[in-house]
Amino acid sequence: MPLHLAVFATTPLELLSFMLSVATVWFNIRQSHWGWLFAIISSATYGLVFYGSRLYGDMGLQLVFIAVSIFGWYQWLHGDDSHDRLPVTSLTARGRWSAAAAWLGGFVVLAWFLKTYTDTDVPHSDGFLTAGSLVGQLLLSRKKIENWHVWIVVDVLYVGLYLHKNLILTAILYGVFVGMAVVGLRAWSGDTGTGGRRLALE
């Protein structure tokens, strides 16, 4: 059953996914491993939302997010060489080029797959943003500060895509995510005194 909030309609499932996703990013900013639990649950619920909107790249992405979230949860707790909590680090120049290449390669493959094998009407934007989200999530799982740069770009573009798909609440969510990503970047850089650590190249 649809819910009517202010001047737009949503569904209980989209509203629940909205709240879980905000909690996920808030925990990520605080470097709390509990964010991964919320990521798993919100990915499952958003997978159903995106299926209903024929955003199959985003739907499949949620399944990957669940797997990466399990990996990230372990990494944040036991991920460095001493099996201690994972510190925040920065990518090397080579790492940044590798991340960019992975994004581009993922975009080409996903856009082709979505255009060839699904009935989506937005294969290129869905593929591009799905690939970027995968890169951002993998960087987040390793506590690379560059994950926030990726999320800022991806989230801004997702706002437009979800408006196009009439997922107004989700578009608002990703607008909120842009601001939270900026806060996360500053926090992890140690600029706000909310849990950031000195960065080291790895």
N, C-alpha and C. Protein backbone atom coordinates (compact mmCIF):
# COMPACT_ATOMS: atom_id res chain seq x y z
N MET A 1 0.84 -1.20 0.00
CA MET A 1 0.00 0.00 0.00
C MET A 1 0.88 1.25 0.00
N PRO A 2 0.54 2.24 -0.83
CA PRO A 2 1.36 3.45 -0.86
C PRO A 2 1.15 4.30 0.39
N LEU A 3 2.21 5.02 0.75
CA LEU A 3 2.13 6.01 1.82
C LEU A 3 2.30 7.37 1.18
N HIS A 4 1.61 8.36 1.70
CA HIS A 4 1.71 9.71 1.16
C HIS A 4 2.41 10.59 2.19
N LEU A 5 3.63 11.04 1.81
CA LEU A 5 4.43 11.91 2.67
C LEU A 5 4.56 13.26 1.98
N ALA A 6 4.05 14.29 2.64
CA ALA A 6 4.09 15.64 2.06
C ALA A 6 3.46 15.60 0.67
N VAL A 7 4.24 15.89 -0.38
CA VAL A 7 3.67 15.99 -1.72
C VAL A 7 4.01 14.78 -2.59
N PHE A 8 4.59 13.72 -2.01
CA PHE A 8 4.92 12.56 -2.82
C PHE A 8 4.51 11.28 -2.11
N ALA A 9 4.40 10.23 -2.91
CA ALA A 9 3.99 8.92 -2.38
C ALA A 9 5.20 8.00 -2.28
N THR A 10 5.18 7.11 -1.32
CA THR A 10 6.23 6.10 -1.17
C THR A 10 5.55 4.81 -0.74
N THR A 11 6.32 3.86 -0.32
CA THR A 11 5.79 2.60 0.19
C THR A 11 6.42 2.32 1.55
N PRO A 12 5.79 1.49 2.37
CA PRO A 12 6.40 1.14 3.66
C PRO A 12 7.80 0.54 3.49
N LEU A 13 7.99 -0.26 2.43
CA LEU A 13 9.29 -0.89 2.21
C LEU A 13 10.36 0.14 1.87
N GLU A 14 10.00 1.12 1.03
CA GLU A 14 10.97 2.16 0.69
C GLU A 14 11.28 3.02 1.90
N LEU A 15 10.28 3.31 2.73
CA LEU A 15 10.49 4.11 3.93
C LEU A 15 11.40 3.38 4.91
N LEU A 16 11.17 2.08 5.11
CA LEU A 16 12.02 1.29 5.99
C LEU A 16 13.45 1.26 5.47
N SER A 17 13.60 1.08 4.16
CA SER A 17 14.93 1.06 3.55
C SER A 17 15.63 2.40 3.74
N PHE A 18 14.89 3.49 3.61
CA PHE A 18 15.42 4.83 3.83
C PHE A 18 16.02 4.95 5.23
N MET A 19 15.27 4.56 6.24
CA MET A 19 15.73 4.71 7.62
C MET A 19 16.93 3.83 7.92
N LEU A 20 16.90 2.59 7.41
CA LEU A 20 18.02 1.68 7.63
C LEU A 20 19.29 2.19 6.95
N SER A 21 19.13 2.78 5.76
CA SER A 21 20.30 3.28 5.02
C SER A 21 20.94 4.47 5.70
N VAL A 22 20.11 5.37 6.24
CA VAL A 22 20.66 6.51 6.98
C VAL A 22 21.43 6.01 8.20
N ALA A 23 20.87 5.04 8.91
CA ALA A 23 21.57 4.47 10.07
C ALA A 23 22.90 3.84 9.66
N THR A 24 22.91 3.17 8.49
CA THR A 24 24.14 2.55 8.00
C THR A 24 25.25 3.57 7.82
N VAL A 25 24.96 4.67 7.12
CA VAL A 25 25.99 5.67 6.84
C VAL A 25 26.41 6.37 8.13
N TRP A 26 25.47 6.59 9.04
CA TRP A 26 25.82 7.22 10.32
C TRP A 26 26.82 6.35 11.08
N PHE A 27 26.60 5.05 11.11
CA PHE A 27 27.54 4.15 11.78
C PHE A 27 28.88 4.12 11.04
N ASN A 28 28.86 4.20 9.70
CA ASN A 28 30.10 4.22 8.94
C ASN A 28 30.93 5.45 9.27
N ILE A 29 30.27 6.60 9.36
CA ILE A 29 30.98 7.83 9.72
C ILE A 29 31.65 7.68 11.08
N ARG A 30 30.95 7.04 12.02
CA ARG A 30 31.48 6.83 13.37
C ARG A 30 32.47 5.68 13.43
N GLN A 31 32.74 5.02 12.29
CA GLN A 31 33.63 3.87 12.22
C GLN A 31 33.16 2.75 13.16
N SER A 32 31.86 2.59 13.25
CA SER A 32 31.29 1.51 14.06
C SER A 32 31.00 0.30 13.16
N HIS A 33 31.47 -0.87 13.58
CA HIS A 33 31.27 -2.07 12.77
C HIS A 33 29.79 -2.46 12.67
N TRP A 34 28.94 -1.92 13.55
CA TRP A 34 27.51 -2.24 13.48
C TRP A 34 26.86 -1.70 12.22
N GLY A 35 27.52 -0.76 11.57
CA GLY A 35 26.99 -0.27 10.30
C GLY A 35 26.84 -1.37 9.27
N TRP A 36 27.69 -2.39 9.34
CA TRP A 36 27.60 -3.47 8.38
C TRP A 36 26.34 -4.30 8.56
N LEU A 37 25.87 -4.45 9.79
CA LEU A 37 24.62 -5.16 10.02
C LEU A 37 23.46 -4.41 9.38
N PHE A 38 23.42 -3.09 9.58
CA PHE A 38 22.36 -2.29 8.96
C PHE A 38 22.50 -2.29 7.44
N ALA A 39 23.74 -2.36 6.94
CA ALA A 39 23.96 -2.42 5.49
C ALA A 39 23.36 -3.69 4.90
N ILE A 40 23.52 -4.81 5.60
CA ILE A 40 22.98 -6.07 5.12
C ILE A 40 21.45 -6.02 5.04
N ILE A 41 20.83 -5.50 6.11
CA ILE A 41 19.37 -5.46 6.14
C ILE A 41 18.83 -4.47 5.12
N SER A 42 19.43 -3.28 5.05
CA SER A 42 18.93 -2.27 4.11
C SER A 42 19.16 -2.70 2.67
N SER A 43 20.24 -3.43 2.39
CA SER A 43 20.48 -3.94 1.04
C SER A 43 19.40 -4.93 0.64
N ALA A 44 19.00 -5.77 1.58
CA ALA A 44 17.94 -6.75 1.28
C ALA A 44 16.62 -6.06 0.97
N THR A 45 16.26 -5.06 1.76
CA THR A 45 14.98 -4.38 1.53
C THR A 45 15.02 -3.52 0.27
N TYR A 46 16.15 -2.85 0.02
CA TYR A 46 16.24 -2.04 -1.19
C TYR A 46 16.30 -2.89 -2.45
N GLY A 47 16.81 -4.12 -2.33
CA GLY A 47 16.78 -5.01 -3.48
C GLY A 47 15.37 -5.22 -3.99
N LEU A 48 14.43 -5.35 -3.06
CA LEU A 48 13.03 -5.51 -3.44
C LEU A 48 12.45 -4.22 -4.04
N VAL A 49 12.85 -3.08 -3.48
CA VAL A 49 12.38 -1.79 -4.01
C VAL A 49 12.85 -1.61 -5.45
N PHE A 50 14.13 -1.89 -5.71
CA PHE A 50 14.68 -1.68 -7.04
C PHE A 50 14.11 -2.68 -8.06
N TYR A 51 13.81 -3.88 -7.61
CA TYR A 51 13.19 -4.86 -8.50
C TYR A 51 11.86 -4.33 -9.02
N GLY A 52 11.09 -3.73 -8.13
CA GLY A 52 9.80 -3.18 -8.53
C GLY A 52 9.92 -2.01 -9.48
N SER A 53 11.09 -1.36 -9.51
CA SER A 53 11.30 -0.20 -10.39
C SER A 53 12.13 -0.55 -11.63
N ARG A 54 12.39 -1.82 -11.84
CA ARG A 54 13.17 -2.30 -12.99
C ARG A 54 14.59 -1.74 -13.02
N LEU A 55 15.14 -1.46 -11.85
CA LEU A 55 16.54 -1.05 -11.73
C LEU A 55 17.34 -2.30 -11.37
N TYR A 56 17.54 -3.16 -12.38
CA TYR A 56 18.09 -4.48 -12.11
C TYR A 56 19.57 -4.43 -11.73
N GLY A 57 20.29 -3.45 -12.26
CA GLY A 57 21.67 -3.30 -11.83
C GLY A 57 21.74 -2.99 -10.34
N ASP A 58 20.91 -2.05 -9.90
CA ASP A 58 20.87 -1.70 -8.48
C ASP A 58 20.36 -2.86 -7.64
N MET A 59 19.41 -3.63 -8.18
CA MET A 59 18.90 -4.79 -7.45
C MET A 59 20.02 -5.83 -7.24
N GLY A 60 20.74 -6.15 -8.33
CA GLY A 60 21.84 -7.08 -8.21
C GLY A 60 22.94 -6.55 -7.32
N LEU A 61 23.14 -5.23 -7.36
CA LEU A 61 24.15 -4.60 -6.52
C LEU A 61 23.88 -4.85 -5.05
N GLN A 62 22.63 -4.89 -4.66
CA GLN A 62 22.30 -5.12 -3.25
C GLN A 62 22.75 -6.50 -2.79
N LEU A 63 22.67 -7.49 -3.68
CA LEU A 63 23.16 -8.82 -3.33
C LEU A 63 24.67 -8.80 -3.12
N VAL A 64 25.36 -8.07 -3.99
CA VAL A 64 26.81 -7.94 -3.83
C VAL A 64 27.12 -7.19 -2.54
N PHE A 65 26.33 -6.14 -2.25
CA PHE A 65 26.53 -5.38 -1.03
C PHE A 65 26.43 -6.27 0.21
N ILE A 66 25.49 -7.21 0.18
CA ILE A 66 25.34 -8.11 1.32
C ILE A 66 26.61 -8.93 1.52
N ALA A 67 27.15 -9.47 0.41
CA ALA A 67 28.38 -10.26 0.50
C ALA A 67 29.56 -9.39 0.95
N VAL A 68 29.69 -8.19 0.36
CA VAL A 68 30.78 -7.30 0.73
C VAL A 68 30.63 -6.83 2.17
N SER A 69 29.40 -6.66 2.63
CA SER A 69 29.18 -6.22 4.00
C SER A 69 29.65 -7.25 5.01
N ILE A 70 29.45 -8.53 4.69
CA ILE A 70 29.96 -9.58 5.57
C ILE A 70 31.49 -9.53 5.60
N PHE A 71 32.09 -9.37 4.42
CA PHE A 71 33.54 -9.23 4.32
C PHE A 71 34.03 -7.99 5.06
N GLY A 72 33.34 -6.86 4.83
CA GLY A 72 33.74 -5.62 5.48
C GLY A 72 33.62 -5.67 6.98
N TRP A 73 32.58 -6.32 7.47
CA TRP A 73 32.40 -6.46 8.91
C TRP A 73 33.60 -7.17 9.52
N TYR A 74 34.04 -8.26 8.90
CA TYR A 74 35.21 -8.98 9.40
C TYR A 74 36.46 -8.11 9.28
N GLN A 75 36.62 -7.42 8.15
CA GLN A 75 37.81 -6.61 7.93
C GLN A 75 37.93 -5.50 8.98
N TRP A 76 36.81 -4.86 9.29
CA TRP A 76 36.86 -3.76 10.25
C TRP A 76 37.24 -4.25 11.65
N LEU A 77 36.93 -5.48 11.95
CA LEU A 77 37.24 -6.02 13.27
C LEU A 77 38.61 -6.71 13.32
N HIS A 78 38.99 -7.37 12.23
CA HIS A 78 40.21 -8.21 12.27
C HIS A 78 41.04 -8.06 11.01
N GLY A 79 41.02 -6.90 10.36
CA GLY A 79 41.51 -6.84 9.00
C GLY A 79 42.95 -6.50 8.75
N ASP A 80 43.72 -6.05 9.74
CA ASP A 80 45.10 -5.71 9.41
C ASP A 80 46.02 -6.89 9.74
N ASP A 81 47.33 -6.69 9.54
CA ASP A 81 48.28 -7.79 9.69
C ASP A 81 48.34 -8.33 11.12
N SER A 82 48.02 -7.50 12.08
CA SER A 82 48.06 -7.93 13.48
C SER A 82 46.70 -8.46 13.94
N HIS A 83 45.75 -8.54 13.00
CA HIS A 83 44.38 -8.97 13.31
C HIS A 83 43.71 -8.06 14.33
N ASP A 84 44.13 -6.79 14.31
CA ASP A 84 43.50 -5.80 15.17
C ASP A 84 42.49 -5.02 14.32
N ARG A 85 41.78 -4.08 14.94
CA ARG A 85 40.80 -3.29 14.19
C ARG A 85 41.48 -2.54 13.05
N LEU A 86 40.81 -2.51 11.92
CA LEU A 86 41.38 -1.92 10.72
C LEU A 86 41.47 -0.41 10.84
N PRO A 87 42.65 0.19 10.57
CA PRO A 87 42.77 1.65 10.61
C PRO A 87 42.35 2.29 9.29
N VAL A 88 42.10 3.57 9.32
CA VAL A 88 41.82 4.33 8.09
C VAL A 88 43.15 4.57 7.37
N THR A 89 43.17 4.27 6.08
CA THR A 89 44.36 4.52 5.26
C THR A 89 43.94 5.15 3.94
N SER A 90 44.93 5.59 3.18
CA SER A 90 44.69 6.22 1.88
C SER A 90 45.29 5.37 0.78
N LEU A 91 44.68 5.39 -0.39
CA LEU A 91 45.21 4.67 -1.53
C LEU A 91 46.49 5.33 -2.05
N THR A 92 47.37 4.52 -2.61
CA THR A 92 48.51 5.05 -3.34
C THR A 92 48.02 5.55 -4.71
N ALA A 93 48.89 6.22 -5.45
CA ALA A 93 48.53 6.67 -6.80
C ALA A 93 48.14 5.48 -7.67
N ARG A 94 48.86 4.38 -7.55
CA ARG A 94 48.54 3.18 -8.31
C ARG A 94 47.17 2.64 -7.91
N GLY A 95 46.88 2.69 -6.62
CA GLY A 95 45.59 2.22 -6.15
C GLY A 95 44.45 3.05 -6.71
N ARG A 96 44.65 4.36 -6.82
CA ARG A 96 43.60 5.23 -7.37
C ARG A 96 43.36 4.91 -8.85
N TRP A 97 44.44 4.70 -9.60
CA TRP A 97 44.28 4.34 -11.01
C TRP A 97 43.59 2.99 -11.16
N SER A 98 43.91 2.06 -10.27
CA SER A 98 43.28 0.75 -10.32
C SER A 98 41.78 0.85 -10.02
N ALA A 99 41.43 1.70 -9.06
CA ALA A 99 40.02 1.89 -8.73
C ALA A 99 39.27 2.51 -9.90
N ALA A 100 39.89 3.50 -10.55
CA ALA A 100 39.26 4.13 -11.72
C ALA A 100 39.08 3.14 -12.86
N ALA A 101 40.10 2.30 -13.08
CA ALA A 101 40.02 1.30 -14.15
C ALA A 101 38.93 0.27 -13.84
N ALA A 102 38.82 -0.12 -12.57
CA ALA A 102 37.79 -1.07 -12.18
C ALA A 102 36.40 -0.48 -12.40
N TRP A 103 36.24 0.80 -12.09
CA TRP A 103 34.96 1.48 -12.30
C TRP A 103 34.60 1.49 -13.78
N LEU A 104 35.57 1.86 -14.64
CA LEU A 104 35.33 1.92 -16.08
C LEU A 104 35.02 0.54 -16.64
N GLY A 105 35.82 -0.45 -16.25
CA GLY A 105 35.60 -1.80 -16.75
C GLY A 105 34.26 -2.35 -16.30
N GLY A 106 33.91 -2.10 -15.04
CA GLY A 106 32.62 -2.56 -14.54
C GLY A 106 31.47 -1.90 -15.27
N PHE A 107 31.61 -0.62 -15.58
CA PHE A 107 30.57 0.11 -16.32
C PHE A 107 30.33 -0.51 -17.69
N VAL A 108 31.41 -0.80 -18.42
CA VAL A 108 31.27 -1.36 -19.76
C VAL A 108 30.55 -2.71 -19.71
N VAL A 109 30.97 -3.57 -18.79
CA VAL A 109 30.38 -4.91 -18.70
C VAL A 109 28.92 -4.84 -18.25
N LEU A 110 28.66 -4.05 -17.20
CA LEU A 110 27.31 -3.99 -16.65
C LEU A 110 26.33 -3.32 -17.61
N ALA A 111 26.76 -2.24 -18.26
CA ALA A 111 25.87 -1.57 -19.21
C ALA A 111 25.51 -2.50 -20.36
N TRP A 112 26.49 -3.24 -20.86
CA TRP A 112 26.22 -4.21 -21.93
C TRP A 112 25.25 -5.29 -21.46
N PHE A 113 25.48 -5.81 -20.27
CA PHE A 113 24.62 -6.87 -19.74
C PHE A 113 23.18 -6.38 -19.56
N LEU A 114 23.04 -5.20 -18.95
CA LEU A 114 21.71 -4.67 -18.68
C LEU A 114 20.96 -4.36 -19.98
N LYS A 115 21.68 -3.84 -20.97
CA LYS A 115 21.03 -3.50 -22.24
C LYS A 115 20.65 -4.75 -23.03
N THR A 116 21.46 -5.80 -22.89
CA THR A 116 21.24 -7.02 -23.68
C THR A 116 20.23 -7.97 -23.05
N TYR A 117 20.26 -8.08 -21.74
CA TYR A 117 19.51 -9.16 -21.08
C TYR A 117 18.39 -8.70 -20.16
N THR A 118 18.15 -7.39 -20.03
CA THR A 118 17.05 -6.94 -19.18
C THR A 118 16.20 -5.93 -19.94
N ASP A 119 15.08 -5.57 -19.36
CA ASP A 119 14.19 -4.59 -19.99
C ASP A 119 14.32 -3.21 -19.37
N THR A 120 15.44 -2.94 -18.70
CA THR A 120 15.63 -1.62 -18.11
C THR A 120 15.69 -0.55 -19.18
N ASP A 121 15.22 0.63 -18.86
CA ASP A 121 15.27 1.75 -19.80
C ASP A 121 16.46 2.67 -19.53
N VAL A 122 17.29 2.32 -18.53
CA VAL A 122 18.44 3.17 -18.20
C VAL A 122 19.69 2.30 -18.02
N PRO A 123 20.08 1.53 -19.05
CA PRO A 123 21.20 0.60 -18.87
C PRO A 123 22.53 1.29 -18.60
N HIS A 124 22.76 2.43 -19.24
CA HIS A 124 24.07 3.08 -19.10
C HIS A 124 24.22 3.76 -17.74
N SER A 125 23.22 4.52 -17.33
CA SER A 125 23.32 5.18 -16.02
C SER A 125 23.28 4.15 -14.90
N ASP A 126 22.44 3.13 -15.04
CA ASP A 126 22.38 2.08 -14.03
C ASP A 126 23.71 1.34 -13.95
N GLY A 127 24.30 1.02 -15.10
CA GLY A 127 25.58 0.32 -15.12
C GLY A 127 26.71 1.15 -14.54
N PHE A 128 26.75 2.44 -14.91
CA PHE A 128 27.81 3.32 -14.43
C PHE A 128 27.75 3.47 -12.91
N LEU A 129 26.56 3.70 -12.39
CA LEU A 129 26.42 3.94 -10.96
C LEU A 129 26.55 2.64 -10.16
N THR A 130 26.13 1.53 -10.75
CA THR A 130 26.33 0.24 -10.08
C THR A 130 27.81 -0.07 -9.95
N ALA A 131 28.57 0.15 -11.03
CA ALA A 131 30.01 -0.09 -10.99
C ALA A 131 30.69 0.82 -9.98
N GLY A 132 30.30 2.10 -9.96
CA GLY A 132 30.88 3.02 -9.00
C GLY A 132 30.56 2.64 -7.57
N SER A 133 29.35 2.16 -7.35
CA SER A 133 28.96 1.76 -6.00
C SER A 133 29.75 0.55 -5.53
N LEU A 134 30.04 -0.37 -6.45
CA LEU A 134 30.86 -1.52 -6.10
C LEU A 134 32.26 -1.09 -5.68
N VAL A 135 32.84 -0.16 -6.44
CA VAL A 135 34.17 0.35 -6.10
C VAL A 135 34.13 1.05 -4.74
N GLY A 136 33.11 1.89 -4.52
CA GLY A 136 33.01 2.59 -3.25
C GLY A 136 32.85 1.65 -2.08
N GLN A 137 32.04 0.59 -2.27
CA GLN A 137 31.81 -0.35 -1.18
C GLN A 137 33.06 -1.15 -0.85
N LEU A 138 33.82 -1.54 -1.87
CA LEU A 138 35.06 -2.27 -1.63
C LEU A 138 36.09 -1.39 -0.92
N LEU A 139 36.16 -0.12 -1.31
CA LEU A 139 37.08 0.80 -0.63
C LEU A 139 36.65 1.02 0.82
N LEU A 140 35.33 1.10 1.04
CA LEU A 140 34.83 1.25 2.39
C LEU A 140 35.18 0.04 3.24
N SER A 141 35.07 -1.16 2.66
CA SER A 141 35.36 -2.37 3.42
C SER A 141 36.80 -2.43 3.89
N ARG A 142 37.70 -1.74 3.15
CA ARG A 142 39.11 -1.69 3.55
C ARG A 142 39.47 -0.38 4.25
N LYS A 143 38.47 0.41 4.58
CA LYS A 143 38.64 1.70 5.26
C LYS A 143 39.60 2.62 4.52
N LYS A 144 39.43 2.67 3.19
CA LYS A 144 40.17 3.63 2.39
C LYS A 144 39.38 4.93 2.34
N ILE A 145 40.03 6.04 2.66
CA ILE A 145 39.31 7.31 2.76
C ILE A 145 38.72 7.73 1.42
N GLU A 146 39.30 7.23 0.33
CA GLU A 146 38.79 7.60 -1.00
C GLU A 146 37.38 7.07 -1.25
N ASN A 147 36.91 6.15 -0.40
CA ASN A 147 35.54 5.68 -0.60
C ASN A 147 34.55 6.83 -0.53
N TRP A 148 34.84 7.84 0.30
CA TRP A 148 33.92 8.97 0.43
C TRP A 148 33.90 9.82 -0.84
N HIS A 149 35.05 9.95 -1.52
CA HIS A 149 35.07 10.68 -2.79
C HIS A 149 34.18 9.98 -3.81
N VAL A 150 34.30 8.65 -3.86
CA VAL A 150 33.48 7.89 -4.80
C VAL A 150 32.00 8.05 -4.47
N TRP A 151 31.65 7.96 -3.19
CA TRP A 151 30.25 8.05 -2.81
C TRP A 151 29.66 9.43 -3.09
N ILE A 152 30.45 10.48 -2.94
CA ILE A 152 29.95 11.83 -3.24
C ILE A 152 29.53 11.92 -4.71
N VAL A 153 30.40 11.44 -5.61
CA VAL A 153 30.09 11.47 -7.04
C VAL A 153 28.88 10.60 -7.35
N VAL A 154 28.90 9.37 -6.85
CA VAL A 154 27.82 8.42 -7.14
C VAL A 154 26.48 8.92 -6.60
N ASP A 155 26.48 9.41 -5.37
CA ASP A 155 25.23 9.82 -4.74
C ASP A 155 24.60 11.01 -5.44
N VAL A 156 25.42 11.96 -5.89
CA VAL A 156 24.88 13.11 -6.63
C VAL A 156 24.16 12.63 -7.90
N LEU A 157 24.80 11.72 -8.63
CA LEU A 157 24.19 11.21 -9.86
C LEU A 157 22.97 10.34 -9.59
N TYR A 158 23.00 9.60 -8.48
CA TYR A 158 21.84 8.77 -8.14
C TYR A 158 20.60 9.62 -7.86
N VAL A 159 20.77 10.80 -7.34
CA VAL A 159 19.61 11.67 -7.09
C VAL A 159 18.82 11.86 -8.38
N GLY A 160 19.54 12.18 -9.46
CA GLY A 160 18.88 12.37 -10.74
C GLY A 160 18.22 11.11 -11.26
N LEU A 161 18.89 9.96 -11.11
CA LEU A 161 18.33 8.70 -11.60
C LEU A 161 17.05 8.35 -10.85
N TYR A 162 17.05 8.51 -9.55
CA TYR A 162 15.87 8.13 -8.77
C TYR A 162 14.71 9.10 -8.97
N LEU A 163 15.02 10.36 -9.24
CA LEU A 163 13.95 11.28 -9.61
C LEU A 163 13.33 10.84 -10.93
N HIS A 164 14.17 10.42 -11.86
CA HIS A 164 13.67 9.93 -13.15
C HIS A 164 12.76 8.72 -12.96
N LYS A 165 13.08 7.87 -11.98
CA LYS A 165 12.30 6.67 -11.71
C LYS A 165 11.14 6.90 -10.74
N ASN A 166 10.96 8.16 -10.36
CA ASN A 166 9.88 8.53 -9.45
C ASN A 166 10.03 7.89 -8.07
N LEU A 167 11.25 7.58 -7.69
CA LEU A 167 11.54 7.11 -6.32
C LEU A 167 11.96 8.34 -5.52
N ILE A 168 10.98 9.17 -5.19
CA ILE A 168 11.27 10.48 -4.62
C ILE A 168 11.96 10.37 -3.26
N LEU A 169 11.46 9.48 -2.41
CA LEU A 169 12.06 9.33 -1.08
C LEU A 169 13.50 8.84 -1.20
N THR A 170 13.75 7.92 -2.12
CA THR A 170 15.11 7.43 -2.31
C THR A 170 16.00 8.53 -2.89
N ALA A 171 15.47 9.39 -3.76
CA ALA A 171 16.24 10.52 -4.27
C ALA A 171 16.62 11.46 -3.12
N ILE A 172 15.67 11.70 -2.22
CA ILE A 172 15.96 12.52 -1.05
C ILE A 172 17.03 11.86 -0.20
N LEU A 173 16.92 10.53 -0.03
CA LEU A 173 17.91 9.78 0.74
C LEU A 173 19.31 10.00 0.18
N TYR A 174 19.45 9.92 -1.14
CA TYR A 174 20.78 10.07 -1.73
C TYR A 174 21.26 11.51 -1.68
N GLY A 175 20.34 12.46 -1.64
CA GLY A 175 20.74 13.83 -1.37
C GLY A 175 21.31 13.95 0.04
N VAL A 176 20.67 13.27 1.00
CA VAL A 176 21.18 13.23 2.37
C VAL A 176 22.54 12.55 2.39
N PHE A 177 22.67 11.47 1.61
CA PHE A 177 23.94 10.74 1.54
C PHE A 177 25.09 11.63 1.08
N VAL A 178 24.81 12.56 0.16
CA VAL A 178 25.88 13.46 -0.31
C VAL A 178 26.44 14.24 0.89
N GLY A 179 25.54 14.83 1.68
CA GLY A 179 25.98 15.57 2.85
C GLY A 179 26.69 14.68 3.86
N MET A 180 26.17 13.47 4.07
CA MET A 180 26.79 12.56 5.02
C MET A 180 28.16 12.10 4.53
N ALA A 181 28.33 11.95 3.21
CA ALA A 181 29.63 11.56 2.66
C ALA A 181 30.67 12.65 2.90
N VAL A 182 30.24 13.91 2.77
CA VAL A 182 31.15 15.03 3.05
C VAL A 182 31.56 15.01 4.53
N VAL A 183 30.58 14.78 5.40
CA VAL A 183 30.86 14.68 6.84
C VAL A 183 31.80 13.50 7.10
N GLY A 184 31.53 12.35 6.45
CA GLY A 184 32.38 11.19 6.62
C GLY A 184 33.81 11.44 6.17
N LEU A 185 33.98 12.14 5.06
CA LEU A 185 35.31 12.46 4.56
C LEU A 185 36.07 13.30 5.57
N ARG A 186 35.40 14.30 6.11
CA ARG A 186 36.05 15.18 7.09
C ARG A 186 36.35 14.42 8.38
N ALA A 187 35.42 13.59 8.81
CA ALA A 187 35.62 12.84 10.06
C ALA A 187 36.78 11.87 9.94
N TRP A 188 36.83 11.16 8.83
CA TRP A 188 37.91 10.19 8.65
C TRP A 188 39.25 10.87 8.43
N SER A 189 39.23 12.10 7.97
CA SER A 189 40.48 12.85 7.80
C SER A 189 40.95 13.46 9.11
N GLY A 190 40.12 13.37 10.16
CA GLY A 190 40.49 13.94 11.44
C GLY A 190 40.19 15.41 11.56
N ASP A 191 39.39 15.97 10.61
CA ASP A 191 39.14 17.41 10.61
C ASP A 191 38.09 17.84 11.62
N THR A 192 37.24 16.90 12.05
CA THR A 192 36.14 17.29 12.93
C THR A 192 36.24 16.71 14.32
N GLY A 193 37.27 15.90 14.56
CA GLY A 193 37.42 15.31 15.89
C GLY A 193 36.35 14.30 16.24
N THR A 194 35.79 13.63 15.22
CA THR A 194 34.72 12.66 15.50
C THR A 194 35.12 11.25 15.13
N GLY A 195 36.41 10.95 15.28
CA GLY A 195 36.81 9.58 15.05
C GLY A 195 37.83 9.40 13.94
N GLY A 196 38.21 10.48 13.22
CA GLY A 196 39.21 10.34 12.18
C GLY A 196 40.56 10.03 12.76
N ARG A 197 41.39 9.36 11.97
CA ARG A 197 42.73 8.99 12.41
C ARG A 197 43.74 9.50 11.38
N ARG A 198 45.01 9.60 11.80
CA ARG A 198 46.04 9.99 10.86
C ARG A 198 46.15 8.93 9.77
N LEU A 199 46.23 9.39 8.52
CA LEU A 199 46.23 8.47 7.40
C LEU A 199 47.63 7.99 7.09
N ALA A 200 47.72 6.76 6.62
CA ALA A 200 48.99 6.21 6.16
C ALA A 200 48.75 5.55 4.82
N LEU A 201 49.74 5.65 3.94
CA LEU A 201 49.63 4.99 2.64
C LEU A 201 49.76 3.48 2.83
N GLU A 202 48.96 2.75 2.05
CA GLU A 202 49.00 1.29 2.16
C GLU A 202 48.83 0.71 0.78
